[in-house]
Amino acid sequence: VLGRFPLPVEIVPMALAHVQRELARLGGTPLLRTGFVTDNGNLIVDLRGLQIVDAVALETRINQIVGVVTNGLFACRPADVCLLGTANGVQTLTAI
């Protein structure tokens, strides 16, 4: 189960209030990351208090909210490379 840490959601500024209401309807507590703007001029809301059991479904649902640019789950497209820090240095794992 994911959700121990806040989930970042990138939002178009003019849709902030709408997106925060929709994120709250998902059961989390949206909190605007103050003093921060993305490279594209968008805002970040940290969504706290979720228990994420189906990351793909939640990522899809959040990304379908009008005004959301993307979110930090990245579950719909798995990674091709994993850089794993170990006691013996960095281990590179690649998808088959």
PDB file of N, CA and C in Angstrom:
ATOM      1  N   VAL A   1       0.851  -1.170   0.000  1.00  0.00           N
ATOM      2  CA  VAL A   1       0.000   0.000   0.000  1.00  0.00           C
ATOM      3  C   VAL A   1       0.902   1.240   0.000  1.00  0.00           C
ATOM      4  N   LEU A   2       0.688   2.103  -0.984  1.00  0.00           N
ATOM      5  CA  LEU A   2       1.413   3.364  -1.057  1.00  0.00           C
ATOM      6  C   LEU A   2       0.620   4.446  -0.328  1.00  0.00           C
ATOM      7  N   GLY A   3       1.245   5.562  -0.059  1.00  0.00           N
ATOM      8  CA  GLY A   3       0.537   6.690   0.536  1.00  0.00           C
ATOM      9  C   GLY A   3       1.150   7.199   1.815  1.00  0.00           C
ATOM     10  N   ARG A   4       2.254   6.598   2.219  1.00  0.00           N
ATOM     11  CA  ARG A   4       2.915   7.072   3.440  1.00  0.00           C
ATOM     12  C   ARG A   4       3.434   8.493   3.263  1.00  0.00           C
ATOM     13  N   PHE A   5       3.832   8.812   2.024  1.00  0.00           N
ATOM     14  CA  PHE A   5       4.322  10.145   1.711  1.00  0.00           C
ATOM     15  C   PHE A   5       3.309  10.861   0.828  1.00  0.00           C
ATOM     16  N   PRO A   6       3.296  12.182   0.840  1.00  0.00           N
ATOM     17  CA  PRO A   6       2.355  12.929  -0.003  1.00  0.00           C
ATOM     18  C   PRO A   6       2.606  12.668  -1.486  1.00  0.00           C
ATOM     19  N   LEU A   7       1.542  12.671  -2.255  1.00  0.00           N
ATOM     20  CA  LEU A   7       1.609  12.484  -3.701  1.00  0.00           C
ATOM     21  C   LEU A   7       1.599  13.854  -4.369  1.00  0.00           C
ATOM     22  N   PRO A   8       2.667  14.223  -5.098  1.00  0.00           N
ATOM     23  CA  PRO A   8       2.671  15.526  -5.773  1.00  0.00           C
ATOM     24  C   PRO A   8       1.790  15.500  -7.024  1.00  0.00           C
ATOM     25  N   VAL A   9       1.037  16.571  -7.206  1.00  0.00           N
ATOM     26  CA  VAL A   9       0.167  16.715  -8.376  1.00  0.00           C
ATOM     27  C   VAL A   9       0.447  18.088  -8.982  1.00  0.00           C
ATOM     28  N   GLU A  10       0.814  18.114 -10.272  1.00  0.00           N
ATOM     29  CA  GLU A  10       1.072  19.376 -10.970  1.00  0.00           C
ATOM     30  C   GLU A  10      -0.230  19.893 -11.552  1.00  0.00           C
ATOM     31  N   ILE A  11      -0.506  21.178 -11.300  1.00  0.00           N
ATOM     32  CA  ILE A  11      -1.803  21.766 -11.634  1.00  0.00           C
ATOM     33  C   ILE A  11      -1.627  23.090 -12.363  1.00  0.00           C
ATOM     34  N   VAL A  12      -2.463  23.316 -13.369  1.00  0.00           N
ATOM     35  CA  VAL A  12      -2.528  24.609 -14.043  1.00  0.00           C
ATOM     36  C   VAL A  12      -3.092  25.613 -13.031  1.00  0.00           C
ATOM     37  N   PRO A  13      -2.445  26.764 -12.833  1.00  0.00           N
ATOM     38  CA  PRO A  13      -2.845  27.688 -11.769  1.00  0.00           C
ATOM     39  C   PRO A  13      -4.323  28.070 -11.753  1.00  0.00           C
ATOM     40  N   MET A  14      -4.920  28.339 -12.923  1.00  0.00           N
ATOM     41  CA  MET A  14      -6.315  28.796 -12.916  1.00  0.00           C
ATOM     42  C   MET A  14      -7.308  27.700 -12.522  1.00  0.00           C
ATOM     43  N   ALA A  15      -6.838  26.440 -12.433  1.00  0.00           N
ATOM     44  CA  ALA A  15      -7.725  25.338 -12.061  1.00  0.00           C
ATOM     45  C   ALA A  15      -7.499  24.868 -10.625  1.00  0.00           C
ATOM     46  N   LEU A  16      -6.709  25.603  -9.864  1.00  0.00           N
ATOM     47  CA  LEU A  16      -6.311  25.169  -8.520  1.00  0.00           C
ATOM     48  C   LEU A  16      -7.496  24.799  -7.631  1.00  0.00           C
ATOM     49  N   ALA A  17      -8.448  25.676  -7.476  1.00  0.00           N
ATOM     50  CA  ALA A  17      -9.577  25.416  -6.567  1.00  0.00           C
ATOM     51  C   ALA A  17     -10.373  24.188  -7.015  1.00  0.00           C
ATOM     52  N   HIS A  18     -10.645  24.098  -8.306  1.00  0.00           N
ATOM     53  CA  HIS A  18     -11.386  22.950  -8.843  1.00  0.00           C
ATOM     54  C   HIS A  18     -10.641  21.649  -8.573  1.00  0.00           C
ATOM     55  N   VAL A  19      -9.344  21.627  -8.877  1.00  0.00           N
ATOM     56  CA  VAL A  19      -8.560  20.398  -8.705  1.00  0.00           C
ATOM     57  C   VAL A  19      -8.461  20.025  -7.226  1.00  0.00           C
ATOM     58  N   GLN A  20      -8.260  20.990  -6.359  1.00  0.00           N
ATOM     59  CA  GLN A  20      -8.191  20.683  -4.928  1.00  0.00           C
ATOM     60  C   GLN A  20      -9.494  20.050  -4.437  1.00  0.00           C
ATOM     61  N   ARG A  21     -10.633  20.557  -4.910  1.00  0.00           N
ATOM     62  CA  ARG A  21     -11.929  19.960  -4.522  1.00  0.00           C
ATOM     63  C   ARG A  21     -12.025  18.517  -5.012  1.00  0.00           C
ATOM     64  N   GLU A  22     -11.607  18.288  -6.250  1.00  0.00           N
ATOM     65  CA  GLU A  22     -11.685  16.940  -6.823  1.00  0.00           C
ATOM     66  C   GLU A  22     -10.725  15.978  -6.105  1.00  0.00           C
ATOM     67  N   LEU A  23      -9.535  16.454  -5.761  1.00  0.00           N
ATOM     68  CA  LEU A  23      -8.582  15.607  -5.041  1.00  0.00           C
ATOM     69  C   LEU A  23      -9.106  15.264  -3.650  1.00  0.00           C
ATOM     70  N   ALA A  24      -9.760  16.206  -3.010  1.00  0.00           N
ATOM     71  CA  ALA A  24     -10.345  15.941  -1.689  1.00  0.00           C
ATOM     72  C   ALA A  24     -11.442  14.882  -1.792  1.00  0.00           C
ATOM     73  N   ARG A  25     -12.154  14.877  -2.897  1.00  0.00           N
ATOM     74  CA  ARG A  25     -13.209  13.864  -3.103  1.00  0.00           C
ATOM     75  C   ARG A  25     -12.624  12.461  -3.213  1.00  0.00           C
ATOM     76  N   LEU A  26     -11.329  12.368  -3.550  1.00  0.00           N
ATOM     77  CA  LEU A  26     -10.665  11.066  -3.616  1.00  0.00           C
ATOM     78  C   LEU A  26     -10.273  10.553  -2.238  1.00  0.00           C
ATOM     79  N   GLY A  27     -10.444  11.379  -1.217  1.00  0.00           N
ATOM     80  CA  GLY A  27     -10.165  10.952   0.142  1.00  0.00           C
ATOM     81  C   GLY A  27      -8.879  11.492   0.730  1.00  0.00           C
ATOM     82  N   GLY A  28      -8.159  12.283  -0.027  1.00  0.00           N
ATOM     83  CA  GLY A  28      -6.906  12.856   0.475  1.00  0.00           C
ATOM     84  C   GLY A  28      -7.085  14.290   0.921  1.00  0.00           C
ATOM     85  N   THR A  29      -6.026  14.848   1.457  1.00  0.00           N
ATOM     86  CA  THR A  29      -6.006  16.246   1.866  1.00  0.00           C
ATOM     87  C   THR A  29      -5.005  16.988   0.984  1.00  0.00           C
ATOM     88  N   PRO A  30      -5.496  17.816   0.037  1.00  0.00           N
ATOM     89  CA  PRO A  30      -4.581  18.550  -0.842  1.00  0.00           C
ATOM     90  C   PRO A  30      -4.018  19.785  -0.144  1.00  0.00           C
ATOM     91  N   LEU A  31      -2.703  19.968  -0.268  1.00  0.00           N
ATOM     92  CA  LEU A  31      -2.039  21.110   0.345  1.00  0.00           C
ATOM     93  C   LEU A  31      -1.123  21.747  -0.691  1.00  0.00           C
ATOM     94  N   LEU A  32      -1.374  23.016  -0.991  1.00  0.00           N
ATOM     95  CA  LEU A  32      -0.561  23.733  -1.970  1.00  0.00           C
ATOM     96  C   LEU A  32       0.867  23.870  -1.458  1.00  0.00           C
ATOM     97  N   ARG A  33       1.827  23.516  -2.304  1.00  0.00           N
ATOM     98  CA  ARG A  33       3.242  23.694  -1.970  1.00  0.00           C
ATOM     99  C   ARG A  33       3.572  25.164  -2.209  1.00  0.00           C
ATOM    100  N   THR A  34       3.636  25.935  -1.146  1.00  0.00           N
ATOM    101  CA  THR A  34       3.820  27.382  -1.259  1.00  0.00           C
ATOM    102  C   THR A  34       5.243  27.740  -1.661  1.00  0.00           C
ATOM    103  N   GLY A  35       5.354  28.830  -2.411  1.00  0.00           N
ATOM    104  CA  GLY A  35       6.650  29.327  -2.825  1.00  0.00           C
ATOM    105  C   GLY A  35       7.309  28.501  -3.905  1.00  0.00           C
ATOM    106  N   PHE A  36       6.532  27.679  -4.608  1.00  0.00           N
ATOM    107  CA  PHE A  36       7.102  26.808  -5.634  1.00  0.00           C
ATOM    108  C   PHE A  36       6.268  26.880  -6.904  1.00  0.00           C
ATOM    109  N   VAL A  37       6.946  27.038  -8.039  1.00  0.00           N
ATOM    110  CA  VAL A  37       6.307  27.021  -9.355  1.00  0.00           C
ATOM    111  C   VAL A  37       7.166  26.140 -10.252  1.00  0.00           C
ATOM    112  N   THR A  38       6.536  25.297 -11.070  1.00  0.00           N
ATOM    113  CA  THR A  38       7.291  24.407 -11.954  1.00  0.00           C
ATOM    114  C   THR A  38       7.923  25.189 -13.097  1.00  0.00           C
ATOM    115  N   ASP A  39       8.755  24.512 -13.863  1.00  0.00           N
ATOM    116  CA  ASP A  39       9.396  25.127 -15.027  1.00  0.00           C
ATOM    117  C   ASP A  39       8.367  25.655 -16.022  1.00  0.00           C
ATOM    118  N   ASN A  40       7.192  25.038 -16.043  1.00  0.00           N
ATOM    119  CA  ASN A  40       6.126  25.443 -16.970  1.00  0.00           C
ATOM    120  C   ASN A  40       5.166  26.453 -16.360  1.00  0.00           C
ATOM    121  N   GLY A  41       5.464  26.951 -15.168  1.00  0.00           N
ATOM    122  CA  GLY A  41       4.611  27.945 -14.530  1.00  0.00           C
ATOM    123  C   GLY A  41       3.411  27.357 -13.812  1.00  0.00           C
ATOM    124  N   ASN A  42       3.442  26.061 -13.544  1.00  0.00           N
ATOM    125  CA  ASN A  42       2.324  25.407 -12.866  1.00  0.00           C
ATOM    126  C   ASN A  42       2.595  25.288 -11.368  1.00  0.00           C
ATOM    127  N   LEU A  43       1.562  24.901 -10.637  1.00  0.00           N
ATOM    128  CA  LEU A  43       1.640  24.752  -9.185  1.00  0.00           C
ATOM    129  C   LEU A  43       1.734  23.277  -8.818  1.00  0.00           C
ATOM    130  N   ILE A  44       2.222  23.005  -7.624  1.00  0.00           N
ATOM    131  CA  ILE A  44       2.256  21.641  -7.098  1.00  0.00           C
ATOM    132  C   ILE A  44       1.389  21.588  -5.848  1.00  0.00           C
ATOM    133  N   VAL A  45       0.502  20.613  -5.830  1.00  0.00           N
ATOM    134  CA  VAL A  45      -0.293  20.314  -4.646  1.00  0.00           C
ATOM    135  C   VAL A  45       0.179  18.963  -4.137  1.00  0.00           C
ATOM    136  N   ASP A  46       0.470  18.879  -2.852  1.00  0.00           N
ATOM    137  CA  ASP A  46       0.833  17.611  -2.231  1.00  0.00           C
ATOM    138  C   ASP A  46      -0.429  17.001  -1.637  1.00  0.00           C
ATOM    139  N   LEU A  47      -0.765  15.803  -2.105  1.00  0.00           N
ATOM    140  CA  LEU A  47      -1.980  15.123  -1.665  1.00  0.00           C
ATOM    141  C   LEU A  47      -1.608  14.143  -0.559  1.00  0.00           C
ATOM    142  N   ARG A  48      -2.070  14.439   0.641  1.00  0.00           N
ATOM    143  CA  ARG A  48      -1.717  13.649   1.825  1.00  0.00           C
ATOM    144  C   ARG A  48      -2.881  12.766   2.264  1.00  0.00           C
ATOM    145  N   GLY A  49      -2.535  11.722   3.003  1.00  0.00           N
ATOM    146  CA  GLY A  49      -3.546  10.910   3.663  1.00  0.00           C
ATOM    147  C   GLY A  49      -4.214   9.851   2.810  1.00  0.00           C
ATOM    148  N   LEU A  50      -3.615   9.488   1.692  1.00  0.00           N
ATOM    149  CA  LEU A  50      -4.195   8.440   0.856  1.00  0.00           C
ATOM    150  C   LEU A  50      -3.621   7.079   1.219  1.00  0.00           C
ATOM    151  N   GLN A  51      -4.401   6.044   0.986  1.00  0.00           N
ATOM    152  CA  GLN A  51      -3.907   4.677   1.000  1.00  0.00           C
ATOM    153  C   GLN A  51      -4.093   4.172  -0.416  1.00  0.00           C
ATOM    154  N   ILE A  52      -2.988   4.070  -1.140  1.00  0.00           N
ATOM    155  CA  ILE A  52      -3.027   3.766  -2.570  1.00  0.00           C
ATOM    156  C   ILE A  52      -2.811   2.275  -2.771  1.00  0.00           C
ATOM    157  N   VAL A  53      -3.877   1.568  -3.118  1.00  0.00           N
ATOM    158  CA  VAL A  53      -3.774   0.136  -3.366  1.00  0.00           C
ATOM    159  C   VAL A  53      -3.773  -0.188  -4.858  1.00  0.00           C
ATOM    160  N   ASP A  54      -4.328   0.680  -5.678  1.00  0.00           N
ATOM    161  CA  ASP A  54      -4.319   0.496  -7.131  1.00  0.00           C
ATOM    162  C   ASP A  54      -3.733   1.753  -7.759  1.00  0.00           C
ATOM    163  N   ALA A  55      -2.403   1.762  -7.879  1.00  0.00           N
ATOM    164  CA  ALA A  55      -1.694   2.958  -8.334  1.00  0.00           C
ATOM    165  C   ALA A  55      -2.053   3.327  -9.770  1.00  0.00           C
ATOM    166  N   VAL A  56      -2.224   2.348 -10.626  1.00  0.00           N
ATOM    167  CA  VAL A  56      -2.560   2.623 -12.032  1.00  0.00           C
ATOM    168  C   VAL A  56      -3.919   3.304 -12.121  1.00  0.00           C
ATOM    169  N   ALA A  57      -4.896   2.783 -11.408  1.00  0.00           N
ATOM    170  CA  ALA A  57      -6.245   3.365 -11.438  1.00  0.00           C
ATOM    171  C   ALA A  57      -6.247   4.778 -10.870  1.00  0.00           C
ATOM    172  N   LEU A  58      -5.526   4.993  -9.758  1.00  0.00           N
ATOM    173  CA  LEU A  58      -5.496   6.322  -9.151  1.00  0.00           C
ATOM    174  C   LEU A  58      -4.773   7.315 -10.049  1.00  0.00           C
ATOM    175  N   GLU A  59      -3.652   6.908 -10.632  1.00  0.00           N
ATOM    176  CA  GLU A  59      -2.935   7.802 -11.545  1.00  0.00           C
ATOM    177  C   GLU A  59      -3.834   8.214 -12.708  1.00  0.00           C
ATOM    178  N   THR A  60      -4.531   7.255 -13.277  1.00  0.00           N
ATOM    179  CA  THR A  60      -5.436   7.538 -14.389  1.00  0.00           C
ATOM    180  C   THR A  60      -6.540   8.490 -13.957  1.00  0.00           C
ATOM    181  N   ARG A  61      -7.132   8.229 -12.813  1.00  0.00           N
ATOM    182  CA  ARG A  61      -8.236   9.067 -12.321  1.00  0.00           C
ATOM    183  C   ARG A  61      -7.784  10.507 -12.052  1.00  0.00           C
ATOM    184  N   ILE A  62      -6.638  10.659 -11.417  1.00  0.00           N
ATOM    185  CA  ILE A  62      -6.131  12.004 -11.127  1.00  0.00           C
ATOM    186  C   ILE A  62      -5.808  12.740 -12.415  1.00  0.00           C
ATOM    187  N   ASN A  63      -5.148  12.075 -13.343  1.00  0.00           N
ATOM    188  CA  ASN A  63      -4.763  12.729 -14.594  1.00  0.00           C
ATOM    189  C   ASN A  63      -5.961  13.114 -15.461  1.00  0.00           C
ATOM    190  N   GLN A  64      -7.118  12.541 -15.206  1.00  0.00           N
ATOM    191  CA  GLN A  64      -8.324  12.882 -15.953  1.00  0.00           C
ATOM    192  C   GLN A  64      -9.053  14.092 -15.382  1.00  0.00           C
ATOM    193  N   ILE A  65      -8.621  14.598 -14.247  1.00  0.00           N
ATOM    194  CA  ILE A  65      -9.224  15.798 -13.668  1.00  0.00           C
ATOM    195  C   ILE A  65      -8.781  16.995 -14.507  1.00  0.00           C
ATOM    196  N   VAL A  66      -9.738  17.776 -14.963  1.00  0.00           N
ATOM    197  CA  VAL A  66      -9.417  18.960 -15.760  1.00  0.00           C
ATOM    198  C   VAL A  66      -8.563  19.907 -14.937  1.00  0.00           C
ATOM    199  N   GLY A  67      -7.410  20.300 -15.484  1.00  0.00           N
ATOM    200  CA  GLY A  67      -6.492  21.194 -14.808  1.00  0.00           C
ATOM    201  C   GLY A  67      -5.260  20.501 -14.261  1.00  0.00           C
ATOM    202  N   VAL A  68      -5.285  19.159 -14.209  1.00  0.00           N
ATOM    203  CA  VAL A  68      -4.118  18.401 -13.761  1.00  0.00           C
ATOM    204  C   VAL A  68      -3.194  18.195 -14.954  1.00  0.00           C
ATOM    205  N   VAL A  69      -1.910  18.475 -14.756  1.00  0.00           N
ATOM    206  CA  VAL A  69      -0.911  18.226 -15.787  1.00  0.00           C
ATOM    207  C   VAL A  69      -0.419  16.789 -15.665  1.00  0.00           C
ATOM    208  N   THR A  70      -0.009  16.409 -14.469  1.00  0.00           N
ATOM    209  CA  THR A  70       0.438  15.040 -14.184  1.00  0.00           C
ATOM    210  C   THR A  70       0.556  14.861 -12.679  1.00  0.00           C
ATOM    211  N   ASN A  71       0.849  13.639 -12.263  1.00  0.00           N
ATOM    212  CA  ASN A  71       1.064  13.386 -10.839  1.00  0.00           C
ATOM    213  C   ASN A  71       2.282  12.477 -10.664  1.00  0.00           C
ATOM    214  N   GLY A  72       2.698  12.295  -9.440  1.00  0.00           N
ATOM    215  CA  GLY A  72       3.945  11.610  -9.160  1.00  0.00           C
ATOM    216  C   GLY A  72       3.877  10.113  -8.999  1.00  0.00           C
ATOM    217  N   LEU A  73       2.813   9.469  -9.426  1.00  0.00           N
ATOM    218  CA  LEU A  73       2.756   8.015  -9.305  1.00  0.00           C
ATOM    219  C   LEU A  73       3.579   7.297 -10.378  1.00  0.00           C
ATOM    220  N   PHE A  74       3.468   7.709 -11.608  1.00  0.00           N
ATOM    221  CA  PHE A  74       4.195   7.098 -12.722  1.00  0.00           C
ATOM    222  C   PHE A  74       3.993   5.583 -12.776  1.00  0.00           C
ATOM    223  N   ALA A  75       2.771   5.128 -12.537  1.00  0.00           N
ATOM    224  CA  ALA A  75       2.479   3.699 -12.520  1.00  0.00           C
ATOM    225  C   ALA A  75       1.977   3.182 -13.870  1.00  0.00           C
ATOM    226  N   CYS A  76       1.422   4.054 -14.683  1.00  0.00           N
ATOM    227  CA  CYS A  76       0.866   3.616 -15.974  1.00  0.00           C
ATOM    228  C   CYS A  76       1.954   3.214 -16.956  1.00  0.00           C
ATOM    229  N   ARG A  77       3.109   3.815 -16.840  1.00  0.00           N
ATOM    230  CA  ARG A  77       4.237   3.445 -17.688  1.00  0.00           C
ATOM    231  C   ARG A  77       5.405   3.115 -16.771  1.00  0.00           C
ATOM    232  N   PRO A  78       5.648   1.834 -16.559  1.00  0.00           N
ATOM    233  CA  PRO A  78       6.725   1.445 -15.648  1.00  0.00           C
ATOM    234  C   PRO A  78       8.095   1.912 -16.145  1.00  0.00           C
ATOM    235  N   ALA A  79       9.009   2.003 -15.233  1.00  0.00           N
ATOM    236  CA  ALA A  79      10.371   2.426 -15.562  1.00  0.00           C
ATOM    237  C   ALA A  79      11.085   1.368 -16.400  1.00  0.00           C
ATOM    238  N   ASP A  80      11.981   1.827 -17.268  1.00  0.00           N
ATOM    239  CA  ASP A  80      12.809   0.932 -18.065  1.00  0.00           C
ATOM    240  C   ASP A  80      14.124   0.624 -17.355  1.00  0.00           C
ATOM    241  N   VAL A  81      14.543   1.542 -16.475  1.00  0.00           N
ATOM    242  CA  VAL A  81      15.818   1.395 -15.774  1.00  0.00           C
ATOM    243  C   VAL A  81      15.613   1.744 -14.302  1.00  0.00           C
ATOM    244  N   CYS A  82      16.243   0.957 -13.434  1.00  0.00           N
ATOM    245  CA  CYS A  82      16.238   1.234 -12.000  1.00  0.00           C
ATOM    246  C   CYS A  82      17.687   1.357 -11.554  1.00  0.00           C
ATOM    247  N   LEU A  83      18.020   2.474 -10.933  1.00  0.00           N
ATOM    248  CA  LEU A  83      19.341   2.659 -10.348  1.00  0.00           C
ATOM    249  C   LEU A  83      19.202   2.409  -8.855  1.00  0.00           C
ATOM    250  N   LEU A  84      19.796   1.319  -8.388  1.00  0.00           N
ATOM    251  CA  LEU A  84      19.628   0.864  -7.017  1.00  0.00           C
ATOM    252  C   LEU A  84      20.916   1.098  -6.236  1.00  0.00           C
ATOM    253  N   GLY A  85      20.838   1.924  -5.206  1.00  0.00           N
ATOM    254  CA  GLY A  85      22.004   2.181  -4.363  1.00  0.00           C
ATOM    255  C   GLY A  85      22.208   1.035  -3.397  1.00  0.00           C
ATOM    256  N   THR A  86      23.395   0.460  -3.415  1.00  0.00           N
ATOM    257  CA  THR A  86      23.713  -0.645  -2.517  1.00  0.00           C
ATOM    258  C   THR A  86      24.990  -0.312  -1.756  1.00  0.00           C
ATOM    259  N   ALA A  87      25.342  -1.146  -0.798  1.00  0.00           N
ATOM    260  CA  ALA A  87      26.573  -0.957  -0.040  1.00  0.00           C
ATOM    261  C   ALA A  87      27.806  -1.069  -0.941  1.00  0.00           C
ATOM    262  N   ASN A  88      27.649  -1.727  -2.086  1.00  0.00           N
ATOM    263  CA  ASN A  88      28.766  -1.917  -3.014  1.00  0.00           C
ATOM    264  C   ASN A  88      28.726  -0.934  -4.182  1.00  0.00           C
ATOM    265  N   GLY A  89      27.897   0.084  -4.097  1.00  0.00           N
ATOM    266  CA  GLY A  89      27.785   1.058  -5.178  1.00  0.00           C
ATOM    267  C   GLY A  89      26.422   0.982  -5.846  1.00  0.00           C
ATOM    268  N   VAL A  90      26.322   1.585  -7.011  1.00  0.00           N
ATOM    269  CA  VAL A  90      25.044   1.634  -7.733  1.00  0.00           C
ATOM    270  C   VAL A  90      24.915   0.412  -8.637  1.00  0.00           C
ATOM    271  N   GLN A  91      23.782  -0.237  -8.530  1.00  0.00           N
ATOM    272  CA  GLN A  91      23.466  -1.385  -9.392  1.00  0.00           C
ATOM    273  C   GLN A  91      22.419  -0.935 -10.387  1.00  0.00           C
ATOM    274  N   THR A  92      22.614  -1.197 -11.677  1.00  0.00           N
ATOM    275  CA  THR A  92      21.671  -0.826 -12.714  1.00  0.00           C
ATOM    276  C   THR A  92      20.842  -2.025 -13.118  1.00  0.00           C
ATOM    277  N   LEU A  93      19.526  -1.907 -12.966  1.00  0.00           N
ATOM    278  CA  LEU A  93      18.595  -2.962 -13.373  1.00  0.00           C
ATOM    279  C   LEU A  93      17.807  -2.448 -14.572  1.00  0.00           C
ATOM    280  N   THR A  94      17.690  -3.241 -15.616  1.00  0.00           N
ATOM    281  CA  THR A  94      16.960  -2.826 -16.800  1.00  0.00           C
ATOM    282  C   THR A  94      15.790  -3.765 -17.063  1.00  0.00           C
ATOM    283  N   ALA A  95      14.755  -3.221 -17.664  1.00  0.00           N
ATOM    284  CA  ALA A  95      13.580  -4.031 -18.005  1.00  0.00           C
ATOM    285  C   ALA A  95      13.937  -4.985 -19.138  1.00  0.00           C
ATOM    286  N   ILE A  96      13.330  -6.114 -19.112  1.00  0.00           N
ATOM    287  CA  ILE A  96      13.591  -7.122 -20.147  1.00  0.00           C
ATOM    288  C   ILE A  96      12.804  -6.814 -21.397  1.00  0.00           C
TER     289      ILE A  96
END
